[in-house]
Full PDB file with SEQRES, HELIX, SHEET, SSBOND, CRYST1, ORIGX, SCALE, CONECT and MASTER records, all heavy atoms in Angstrom:
SEQRES   1 A   34  GLU GLY ARG ILE ARG VAL THR LYS GLN VAL GLU VAL ASN          
SEQRES   2 A   34  ILE PRO ILE GLY ILE HIS THR GLY GLN GLN ILE ARG LEU          
SEQRES   3 A   34  GLN GLY TYR GLY GLY LYS GLY LEU                              
CRYST1    1.000    1.000    1.000  90.00  90.00  90.00 P 1           1          
ORIGX1      1.000000  0.000000  0.000000        0.00000                         
ORIGX2      0.000000  1.000000  0.000000        0.00000                         
ORIGX3      0.000000  0.000000  1.000000        0.00000                         
SCALE1      1.000000  0.000000  0.000000        0.00000                         
SCALE2      0.000000  1.000000  0.000000        0.00000                         
SCALE3      0.000000  0.000000  1.000000        0.00000                         
ATOM      1  N   GLU A   1     -21.333 -15.231  -7.176  1.00  0.00           N  
ATOM      2  CA  GLU A   1     -20.442 -14.254  -6.543  1.00  0.00           C  
ATOM      3  C   GLU A   1     -21.059 -12.858  -6.479  1.00  0.00           C  
ATOM      4  O   GLU A   1     -20.740 -12.061  -5.614  1.00  0.00           O  
ATOM      5  CB  GLU A   1     -19.105 -14.190  -7.280  1.00  0.00           C  
ATOM      6  CG  GLU A   1     -18.214 -15.414  -7.092  1.00  0.00           C  
ATOM      7  CD  GLU A   1     -17.662 -15.469  -5.701  1.00  0.00           C  
ATOM      8  OE1 GLU A   1     -17.349 -14.437  -5.115  1.00  0.00           O  
ATOM      9  OE2 GLU A   1     -17.562 -16.594  -5.168  1.00  0.00           O  
ATOM     10  N   GLY A   2     -21.917 -12.546  -7.437  1.00  0.00           N  
ATOM     11  CA  GLY A   2     -22.501 -11.201  -7.500  1.00  0.00           C  
ATOM     12  C   GLY A   2     -21.608 -10.210  -8.216  1.00  0.00           C  
ATOM     13  O   GLY A   2     -22.022  -9.091  -8.517  1.00  0.00           O  
ATOM     14  N   ARG A   3     -20.354 -10.610  -8.485  1.00  0.00           N  
ATOM     15  CA  ARG A   3     -19.421  -9.778  -9.212  1.00  0.00           C  
ATOM     16  C   ARG A   3     -18.720 -10.614 -10.259  1.00  0.00           C  
ATOM     17  O   ARG A   3     -18.617 -11.828 -10.129  1.00  0.00           O  
ATOM     18  CB  ARG A   3     -18.364  -9.184  -8.269  1.00  0.00           C  
ATOM     19  CG  ARG A   3     -18.905  -8.345  -7.134  1.00  0.00           C  
ATOM     20  CD  ARG A   3     -17.774  -7.766  -6.327  1.00  0.00           C  
ATOM     21  NE  ARG A   3     -18.243  -7.064  -5.144  1.00  0.00           N  
ATOM     22  CZ  ARG A   3     -17.472  -6.401  -4.304  1.00  0.00           C  
ATOM     23  NH1 ARG A   3     -16.171  -6.351  -4.522  1.00  0.00           N  
ATOM     24  NH2 ARG A   3     -17.964  -5.784  -3.261  1.00  0.00           N  
ATOM     25  N   ILE A   4     -18.246  -9.971 -11.285  1.00  0.00           N  
ATOM     26  CA  ILE A   4     -17.503 -10.667 -12.326  1.00  0.00           C  
ATOM     27  C   ILE A   4     -16.137 -10.013 -12.504  1.00  0.00           C  
ATOM     28  O   ILE A   4     -15.968  -8.821 -12.276  1.00  0.00           O  
ATOM     29  CB  ILE A   4     -18.251 -10.665 -13.669  1.00  0.00           C  
ATOM     30  CG1 ILE A   4     -18.565  -9.232 -14.117  1.00  0.00           C  
ATOM     31  CG2 ILE A   4     -19.520 -11.503 -13.581  1.00  0.00           C  
ATOM     32  CD1 ILE A   4     -19.134  -9.145 -15.532  1.00  0.00           C  
ATOM     33  N   ARG A   5     -15.190 -10.827 -12.885  1.00  0.00           N  
ATOM     34  CA  ARG A   5     -13.823 -10.345 -13.108  1.00  0.00           C  
ATOM     35  C   ARG A   5     -13.737  -9.743 -14.507  1.00  0.00           C  
ATOM     36  O   ARG A   5     -14.120 -10.380 -15.486  1.00  0.00           O  
ATOM     37  CB  ARG A   5     -12.844 -11.491 -12.945  1.00  0.00           C  
ATOM     38  CG  ARG A   5     -11.377 -11.085 -12.957  1.00  0.00           C  
ATOM     39  CD  ARG A   5     -10.515 -12.364 -12.845  1.00  0.00           C  
ATOM     40  NE  ARG A   5      -9.107 -12.042 -12.874  1.00  0.00           N  
ATOM     41  CZ  ARG A   5      -8.335 -11.889 -11.824  1.00  0.00           C  
ATOM     42  NH1 ARG A   5      -8.860 -12.014 -10.617  1.00  0.00           N  
ATOM     43  NH2 ARG A   5      -7.033 -11.637 -11.951  1.00  0.00           N  
ATOM     44  N   VAL A   6     -13.234  -8.552 -14.599  1.00  0.00           N  
ATOM     45  CA  VAL A   6     -13.097  -7.882 -15.876  1.00  0.00           C  
ATOM     46  C   VAL A   6     -11.675  -7.303 -15.988  1.00  0.00           C  
ATOM     47  O   VAL A   6     -10.924  -7.289 -15.009  1.00  0.00           O  
ATOM     48  CB  VAL A   6     -14.129  -6.745 -16.026  1.00  0.00           C  
ATOM     49  CG1 VAL A   6     -15.540  -7.291 -16.010  1.00  0.00           C  
ATOM     50  CG2 VAL A   6     -13.956  -5.686 -14.914  1.00  0.00           C  
ATOM     51  N   THR A   7     -11.352  -6.832 -17.170  1.00  0.00           N  
ATOM     52  CA  THR A   7     -10.061  -6.158 -17.380  1.00  0.00           C  
ATOM     53  C   THR A   7     -10.352  -4.680 -17.662  1.00  0.00           C  
ATOM     54  O   THR A   7     -11.152  -4.368 -18.545  1.00  0.00           O  
ATOM     55  CB  THR A   7      -9.289  -6.781 -18.551  1.00  0.00           C  
ATOM     56  OG1 THR A   7      -9.016  -8.161 -18.255  1.00  0.00           O  
ATOM     57  CG2 THR A   7      -7.971  -6.057 -18.776  1.00  0.00           C  
ATOM     58  N   LYS A   8      -9.683  -3.828 -16.893  1.00  0.00           N  
ATOM     59  CA  LYS A   8      -9.925  -2.384 -17.048  1.00  0.00           C  
ATOM     60  C   LYS A   8      -8.642  -1.669 -17.459  1.00  0.00           C  
ATOM     61  O   LYS A   8      -7.533  -2.066 -17.075  1.00  0.00           O  
ATOM     62  CB  LYS A   8     -10.434  -1.794 -15.739  1.00  0.00           C  
ATOM     63  CG  LYS A   8     -11.866  -2.174 -15.408  1.00  0.00           C  
ATOM     64  CD  LYS A   8     -12.375  -1.385 -14.207  1.00  0.00           C  
ATOM     65  CE  LYS A   8     -13.842  -1.669 -13.935  1.00  0.00           C  
ATOM     66  NZ  LYS A   8     -14.369  -0.884 -12.803  1.00  0.00           N  
ATOM     67  N   GLN A   9      -8.826  -0.631 -18.241  1.00  0.00           N  
ATOM     68  CA  GLN A   9      -7.722   0.266 -18.598  1.00  0.00           C  
ATOM     69  C   GLN A   9      -7.688   1.381 -17.546  1.00  0.00           C  
ATOM     70  O   GLN A   9      -8.657   2.118 -17.384  1.00  0.00           O  
ATOM     71  CB  GLN A   9      -7.921   0.846 -19.995  1.00  0.00           C  
ATOM     72  CG  GLN A   9      -7.816  -0.163 -21.113  1.00  0.00           C  
ATOM     73  CD  GLN A   9      -6.373  -0.552 -21.373  1.00  0.00           C  
ATOM     74  OE1 GLN A   9      -5.458   0.288 -21.315  1.00  0.00           O  
ATOM     75  NE2 GLN A   9      -6.150  -1.832 -21.625  1.00  0.00           N  
ATOM     76  N   VAL A  10      -6.578   1.489 -16.849  1.00  0.00           N  
ATOM     77  CA  VAL A  10      -6.464   2.470 -15.787  1.00  0.00           C  
ATOM     78  C   VAL A  10      -5.302   3.406 -16.085  1.00  0.00           C  
ATOM     79  O   VAL A  10      -4.223   2.971 -16.492  1.00  0.00           O  
ATOM     80  CB  VAL A  10      -6.234   1.765 -14.420  1.00  0.00           C  
ATOM     81  CG1 VAL A  10      -6.133   2.794 -13.310  1.00  0.00           C  
ATOM     82  CG2 VAL A  10      -7.356   0.787 -14.130  1.00  0.00           C  
ATOM     83  N   GLU A  11      -5.534   4.693 -15.883  1.00  0.00           N  
ATOM     84  CA  GLU A  11      -4.469   5.680 -16.074  1.00  0.00           C  
ATOM     85  C   GLU A  11      -3.535   5.699 -14.883  1.00  0.00           C  
ATOM     86  O   GLU A  11      -3.984   5.702 -13.730  1.00  0.00           O  
ATOM     87  CB  GLU A  11      -5.060   7.081 -16.268  1.00  0.00           C  
ATOM     88  CG  GLU A  11      -5.525   7.364 -17.685  1.00  0.00           C  
ATOM     89  CD  GLU A  11      -5.746   8.848 -17.918  1.00  0.00           C  
ATOM     90  OE1 GLU A  11      -5.664   9.637 -16.950  1.00  0.00           O  
ATOM     91  OE2 GLU A  11      -6.013   9.219 -19.071  1.00  0.00           O  
ATOM     92  N   VAL A  12      -2.240   5.687 -15.166  1.00  0.00           N  
ATOM     93  CA  VAL A  12      -1.243   5.753 -14.116  1.00  0.00           C  
ATOM     94  C   VAL A  12      -0.372   6.981 -14.381  1.00  0.00           C  
ATOM     95  O   VAL A  12       0.192   7.133 -15.466  1.00  0.00           O  
ATOM     96  CB  VAL A  12      -0.351   4.497 -14.098  1.00  0.00           C  
ATOM     97  CG1 VAL A  12       0.693   4.596 -12.999  1.00  0.00           C  
ATOM     98  CG2 VAL A  12      -1.212   3.241 -13.902  1.00  0.00           C  
ATOM     99  N   ASN A  13      -0.277   7.858 -13.406  1.00  0.00           N  
ATOM    100  CA  ASN A  13       0.570   9.052 -13.532  1.00  0.00           C  
ATOM    101  C   ASN A  13       1.942   8.762 -12.908  1.00  0.00           C  
ATOM    102  O   ASN A  13       2.033   8.467 -11.706  1.00  0.00           O  
ATOM    103  CB  ASN A  13      -0.089  10.241 -12.814  1.00  0.00           C  
ATOM    104  CG  ASN A  13      -1.363  10.688 -13.490  1.00  0.00           C  
ATOM    105  OD1 ASN A  13      -1.422  10.791 -14.712  1.00  0.00           O  
ATOM    106  ND2 ASN A  13      -2.398  10.914 -12.710  1.00  0.00           N  
ATOM    107  N   ILE A  14       2.970   8.824 -13.724  1.00  0.00           N  
ATOM    108  CA  ILE A  14       4.330   8.630 -13.234  1.00  0.00           C  
ATOM    109  C   ILE A  14       4.823   9.959 -12.687  1.00  0.00           C  
ATOM    110  O   ILE A  14       5.034  10.921 -13.438  1.00  0.00           O  
ATOM    111  CB  ILE A  14       5.273   8.154 -14.362  1.00  0.00           C  
ATOM    112  CG1 ILE A  14       4.686   6.940 -15.091  1.00  0.00           C  
ATOM    113  CG2 ILE A  14       6.659   7.844 -13.805  1.00  0.00           C  
ATOM    114  CD1 ILE A  14       4.425   5.754 -14.221  1.00  0.00           C  
ATOM    115  N   PRO A  15       5.007  10.063 -11.369  1.00  0.00           N  
ATOM    116  CA  PRO A  15       5.422  11.347 -10.779  1.00  0.00           C  
ATOM    117  C   PRO A  15       6.846  11.742 -11.191  1.00  0.00           C  
ATOM    118  O   PRO A  15       7.725  10.888 -11.309  1.00  0.00           O  
ATOM    119  CB  PRO A  15       5.353  11.085  -9.261  1.00  0.00           C  
ATOM    120  CG  PRO A  15       4.549   9.845  -9.104  1.00  0.00           C  
ATOM    121  CD  PRO A  15       4.795   9.041 -10.340  1.00  0.00           C  
ATOM    122  N   ILE A  16       7.055  13.016 -11.394  1.00  0.00           N  
ATOM    123  CA  ILE A  16       8.385  13.521 -11.703  1.00  0.00           C  
ATOM    124  C   ILE A  16       9.309  13.253 -10.513  1.00  0.00           C  
ATOM    125  O   ILE A  16       8.957  13.469  -9.360  1.00  0.00           O  
ATOM    126  CB  ILE A  16       8.333  15.040 -11.996  1.00  0.00           C  
ATOM    127  CG1 ILE A  16       7.606  15.284 -13.325  1.00  0.00           C  
ATOM    128  CG2 ILE A  16       9.734  15.641 -12.034  1.00  0.00           C  
ATOM    129  CD1 ILE A  16       7.407  16.738 -13.647  1.00  0.00           C  
ATOM    130  N   GLY A  17      10.500  12.747 -10.821  1.00  0.00           N  
ATOM    131  CA  GLY A  17      11.517  12.536  -9.784  1.00  0.00           C  
ATOM    132  C   GLY A  17      11.406  11.226  -9.033  1.00  0.00           C  
ATOM    133  O   GLY A  17      12.189  11.001  -8.107  1.00  0.00           O  
ATOM    134  N   ILE A  18      10.467  10.347  -9.384  1.00  0.00           N  
ATOM    135  CA  ILE A  18      10.294   9.095  -8.650  1.00  0.00           C  
ATOM    136  C   ILE A  18      11.541   8.225  -8.808  1.00  0.00           C  
ATOM    137  O   ILE A  18      12.237   8.281  -9.814  1.00  0.00           O  
ATOM    138  CB  ILE A  18       9.020   8.352  -9.130  1.00  0.00           C  
ATOM    139  CG1 ILE A  18       8.637   7.255  -8.146  1.00  0.00           C  
ATOM    140  CG2 ILE A  18       9.201   7.802 -10.540  1.00  0.00           C  
ATOM    141  CD1 ILE A  18       7.267   6.669  -8.389  1.00  0.00           C  
ATOM    142  N   HIS A  19      11.820   7.422  -7.776  1.00  0.00           N  
ATOM    143  CA  HIS A  19      12.992   6.555  -7.781  1.00  0.00           C  
ATOM    144  C   HIS A  19      12.605   5.092  -7.935  1.00  0.00           C  
ATOM    145  O   HIS A  19      11.469   4.707  -7.620  1.00  0.00           O  
ATOM    146  CB  HIS A  19      13.782   6.716  -6.464  1.00  0.00           C  
ATOM    147  CG  HIS A  19      14.532   8.002  -6.358  1.00  0.00           C  
ATOM    148  ND1 HIS A  19      15.859   8.135  -6.667  1.00  0.00           N  
ATOM    149  CD2 HIS A  19      14.122   9.235  -5.953  1.00  0.00           C  
ATOM    150  CE1 HIS A  19      16.253   9.381  -6.466  1.00  0.00           C  
ATOM    151  NE2 HIS A  19      15.210  10.067  -6.032  1.00  0.00           N  
ATOM    152  N   THR A  20      13.540   4.291  -8.399  1.00  0.00           N  
ATOM    153  CA  THR A  20      13.330   2.849  -8.445  1.00  0.00           C  
ATOM    154  C   THR A  20      12.967   2.314  -7.067  1.00  0.00           C  
ATOM    155  O   THR A  20      13.615   2.672  -6.069  1.00  0.00           O  
ATOM    156  CB  THR A  20      14.597   2.138  -8.958  1.00  0.00           C  
ATOM    157  OG1 THR A  20      14.700   2.335 -10.370  1.00  0.00           O  
ATOM    158  CG2 THR A  20      14.539   0.638  -8.705  1.00  0.00           C  
ATOM    159  N   GLY A  21      11.954   1.482  -7.002  1.00  0.00           N  
ATOM    160  CA  GLY A  21      11.524   0.895  -5.743  1.00  0.00           C  
ATOM    161  C   GLY A  21      10.350   1.603  -5.088  1.00  0.00           C  
ATOM    162  O   GLY A  21       9.669   1.015  -4.242  1.00  0.00           O  
ATOM    163  N   GLN A  22      10.123   2.857  -5.475  1.00  0.00           N  
ATOM    164  CA  GLN A  22       8.975   3.575  -4.902  1.00  0.00           C  
ATOM    165  C   GLN A  22       7.687   3.066  -5.552  1.00  0.00           C  
ATOM    166  O   GLN A  22       7.699   2.485  -6.638  1.00  0.00           O  
ATOM    167  CB  GLN A  22       9.132   5.076  -5.118  1.00  0.00           C  
ATOM    168  CG  GLN A  22      10.241   5.685  -4.278  1.00  0.00           C  
ATOM    169  CD  GLN A  22      10.303   7.197  -4.387  1.00  0.00           C  
ATOM    170  OE1 GLN A  22      10.194   7.745  -5.482  1.00  0.00           O  
ATOM    171  NE2 GLN A  22      10.501   7.881  -3.291  1.00  0.00           N  
ATOM    172  N   GLN A  23       6.563   3.295  -4.844  1.00  0.00           N  
ATOM    173  CA  GLN A  23       5.299   2.739  -5.280  1.00  0.00           C  
ATOM    174  C   GLN A  23       4.244   3.806  -5.569  1.00  0.00           C  
ATOM    175  O   GLN A  23       4.263   4.882  -4.983  1.00  0.00           O  
ATOM    176  CB  GLN A  23       4.746   1.790  -4.216  1.00  0.00           C  
ATOM    177  CG  GLN A  23       5.590   0.530  -3.994  1.00  0.00           C  
ATOM    178  CD  GLN A  23       4.970  -0.403  -2.989  1.00  0.00           C  
ATOM    179  OE1 GLN A  23       4.306   0.023  -2.052  1.00  0.00           O  
ATOM    180  NE2 GLN A  23       5.182  -1.695  -3.148  1.00  0.00           N  
ATOM    181  N   ILE A  24       3.369   3.465  -6.489  1.00  0.00           N  
ATOM    182  CA  ILE A  24       2.189   4.278  -6.800  1.00  0.00           C  
ATOM    183  C   ILE A  24       0.978   3.490  -6.361  1.00  0.00           C  
ATOM    184  O   ILE A  24       0.842   2.303  -6.682  1.00  0.00           O  
ATOM    185  CB  ILE A  24       2.116   4.596  -8.307  1.00  0.00           C  
ATOM    186  CG1 ILE A  24       3.365   5.386  -8.744  1.00  0.00           C  
ATOM    187  CG2 ILE A  24       0.847   5.380  -8.623  1.00  0.00           C  
ATOM    188  CD1 ILE A  24       3.459   5.565 -10.239  1.00  0.00           C  
ATOM    189  N   ARG A  25       0.069   4.117  -5.629  1.00  0.00           N  
ATOM    190  CA  ARG A  25      -1.122   3.433  -5.133  1.00  0.00           C  
ATOM    191  C   ARG A  25      -2.347   3.771  -5.966  1.00  0.00           C  
ATOM    192  O   ARG A  25      -2.647   4.942  -6.217  1.00  0.00           O  
ATOM    193  CB  ARG A  25      -1.363   3.851  -3.674  1.00  0.00           C  
ATOM    194  CG  ARG A  25      -2.629   3.267  -3.072  1.00  0.00           C  
ATOM    195  CD  ARG A  25      -2.914   3.938  -1.737  1.00  0.00           C  
ATOM    196  NE  ARG A  25      -4.180   3.514  -1.155  1.00  0.00           N  
ATOM    197  CZ  ARG A  25      -4.848   4.198  -0.244  1.00  0.00           C  
ATOM    198  NH1 ARG A  25      -4.346   5.346   0.190  1.00  0.00           N  
ATOM    199  NH2 ARG A  25      -5.969   3.762   0.241  1.00  0.00           N  
ATOM    200  N   LEU A  26      -3.063   2.726  -6.396  1.00  0.00           N  
ATOM    201  CA  LEU A  26      -4.334   2.893  -7.095  1.00  0.00           C  
ATOM    202  C   LEU A  26      -5.418   2.312  -6.182  1.00  0.00           C  
ATOM    203  O   LEU A  26      -5.538   1.099  -6.031  1.00  0.00           O  
ATOM    204  CB  LEU A  26      -4.325   2.169  -8.441  1.00  0.00           C  
ATOM    205  CG  LEU A  26      -3.331   2.700  -9.478  1.00  0.00           C  
ATOM    206  CD1 LEU A  26      -3.441   1.901 -10.766  1.00  0.00           C  
ATOM    207  CD2 LEU A  26      -3.554   4.175  -9.751  1.00  0.00           C  
ATOM    208  N   GLN A  27      -6.185   3.205  -5.567  1.00  0.00           N  
ATOM    209  CA  GLN A  27      -7.167   2.783  -4.575  1.00  0.00           C  
ATOM    210  C   GLN A  27      -8.327   2.012  -5.221  1.00  0.00           C  
ATOM    211  O   GLN A  27      -8.901   2.428  -6.221  1.00  0.00           O  
ATOM    212  CB  GLN A  27      -7.703   4.005  -3.835  1.00  0.00           C  
ATOM    213  CG  GLN A  27      -8.576   3.665  -2.635  1.00  0.00           C  
ATOM    214  CD  GLN A  27      -8.915   4.904  -1.837  1.00  0.00           C  
ATOM    215  OE1 GLN A  27      -8.520   6.007  -2.176  1.00  0.00           O  
ATOM    216  NE2 GLN A  27      -9.663   4.727  -0.755  1.00  0.00           N  
ATOM    217  N   GLY A  28      -8.647   0.857  -4.614  1.00  0.00           N  
ATOM    218  CA  GLY A  28      -9.807   0.085  -5.049  1.00  0.00           C  
ATOM    219  C   GLY A  28      -9.556  -0.873  -6.191  1.00  0.00           C  
ATOM    220  O   GLY A  28     -10.491  -1.526  -6.651  1.00  0.00           O  
ATOM    221  N   TYR A  29      -8.313  -0.998  -6.642  1.00  0.00           N  
ATOM    222  CA  TYR A  29      -8.035  -1.899  -7.778  1.00  0.00           C  
ATOM    223  C   TYR A  29      -7.281  -3.138  -7.315  1.00  0.00           C  
ATOM    224  O   TYR A  29      -6.626  -3.802  -8.100  1.00  0.00           O  
ATOM    225  CB  TYR A  29      -7.223  -1.170  -8.843  1.00  0.00           C  
ATOM    226  CG  TYR A  29      -8.075  -0.182  -9.633  1.00  0.00           C  
ATOM    227  CD1 TYR A  29      -8.061   1.176  -9.336  1.00  0.00           C  
ATOM    228  CD2 TYR A  29      -8.911  -0.623 -10.642  1.00  0.00           C  
ATOM    229  CE1 TYR A  29      -8.850   2.068 -10.043  1.00  0.00           C  
ATOM    230  CE2 TYR A  29      -9.704   0.271 -11.366  1.00  0.00           C  
ATOM    231  CZ  TYR A  29      -9.663   1.613 -11.056  1.00  0.00           C  
ATOM    232  OH  TYR A  29     -10.449   2.491 -11.752  1.00  0.00           O  
ATOM    233  N   GLY A  30      -7.401  -3.466  -6.033  1.00  0.00           N  
ATOM    234  CA  GLY A  30      -6.786  -4.688  -5.498  1.00  0.00           C  
ATOM    235  C   GLY A  30      -7.754  -5.851  -5.488  1.00  0.00           C  
ATOM    236  O   GLY A  30      -8.660  -5.944  -6.310  1.00  0.00           O  
ATOM    237  N   GLY A  31      -7.572  -6.767  -4.512  1.00  0.00           N  
ATOM    238  CA  GLY A  31      -8.417  -7.943  -4.415  1.00  0.00           C  
ATOM    239  C   GLY A  31      -9.855  -7.608  -4.049  1.00  0.00           C  
ATOM    240  O   GLY A  31     -10.140  -6.556  -3.463  1.00  0.00           O  
ATOM    241  N   LYS A  32     -10.767  -8.495  -4.400  1.00  0.00           N  
ATOM    242  CA  LYS A  32     -12.191  -8.281  -4.173  1.00  0.00           C  
ATOM    243  C   LYS A  32     -12.528  -8.317  -2.690  1.00  0.00           C  
ATOM    244  O   LYS A  32     -12.084  -9.182  -1.953  1.00  0.00           O  
ATOM    245  CB  LYS A  32     -12.979  -9.358  -4.909  1.00  0.00           C  
ATOM    246  CG  LYS A  32     -14.502  -9.211  -4.794  1.00  0.00           C  
ATOM    247  CD  LYS A  32     -15.234 -10.274  -5.558  1.00  0.00           C  
ATOM    248  CE  LYS A  32     -15.009 -11.648  -4.954  1.00  0.00           C  
ATOM    249  NZ  LYS A  32     -15.859 -12.670  -5.587  1.00  0.00           N  
ATOM    250  N   GLY A  33     -13.328  -7.370  -2.230  1.00  0.00           N  
ATOM    251  CA  GLY A  33     -13.795  -7.360  -0.856  1.00  0.00           C  
ATOM    252  C   GLY A  33     -14.809  -8.467  -0.622  1.00  0.00           C  
ATOM    253  O   GLY A  33     -15.456  -8.959  -1.550  1.00  0.00           O  
ATOM    254  N   LEU A  34     -14.955  -8.869   0.650  1.00  0.00           N  
ATOM    255  CA  LEU A  34     -15.885  -9.924   1.024  1.00  0.00           C  
ATOM    256  C   LEU A  34     -17.067  -9.353   1.775  1.00  0.00           C  
ATOM    257  O   LEU A  34     -16.942  -8.358   2.510  1.00  0.00           O  
ATOM    258  CB  LEU A  34     -15.179 -10.977   1.880  1.00  0.00           C  
ATOM    259  CG  LEU A  34     -13.981 -11.677   1.256  1.00  0.00           C  
ATOM    260  CD1 LEU A  34     -13.353 -12.647   2.261  1.00  0.00           C  
ATOM    261  CD2 LEU A  34     -14.394 -12.438  -0.007  1.00  0.00           C  
TER     262      LEU A  34                                                      
MASTER        0    0    0    0    0    0    0    6  261    1    0    3          
END                                                                             
């Protein structure tokens, strides 16, 4: 594959005033590109 699956610790900032159902996006931490 050229890549290996690892587990990373990622910081998530909870925005002030956020509501249930809203989303926070972490760029590049989704599925592996082809």
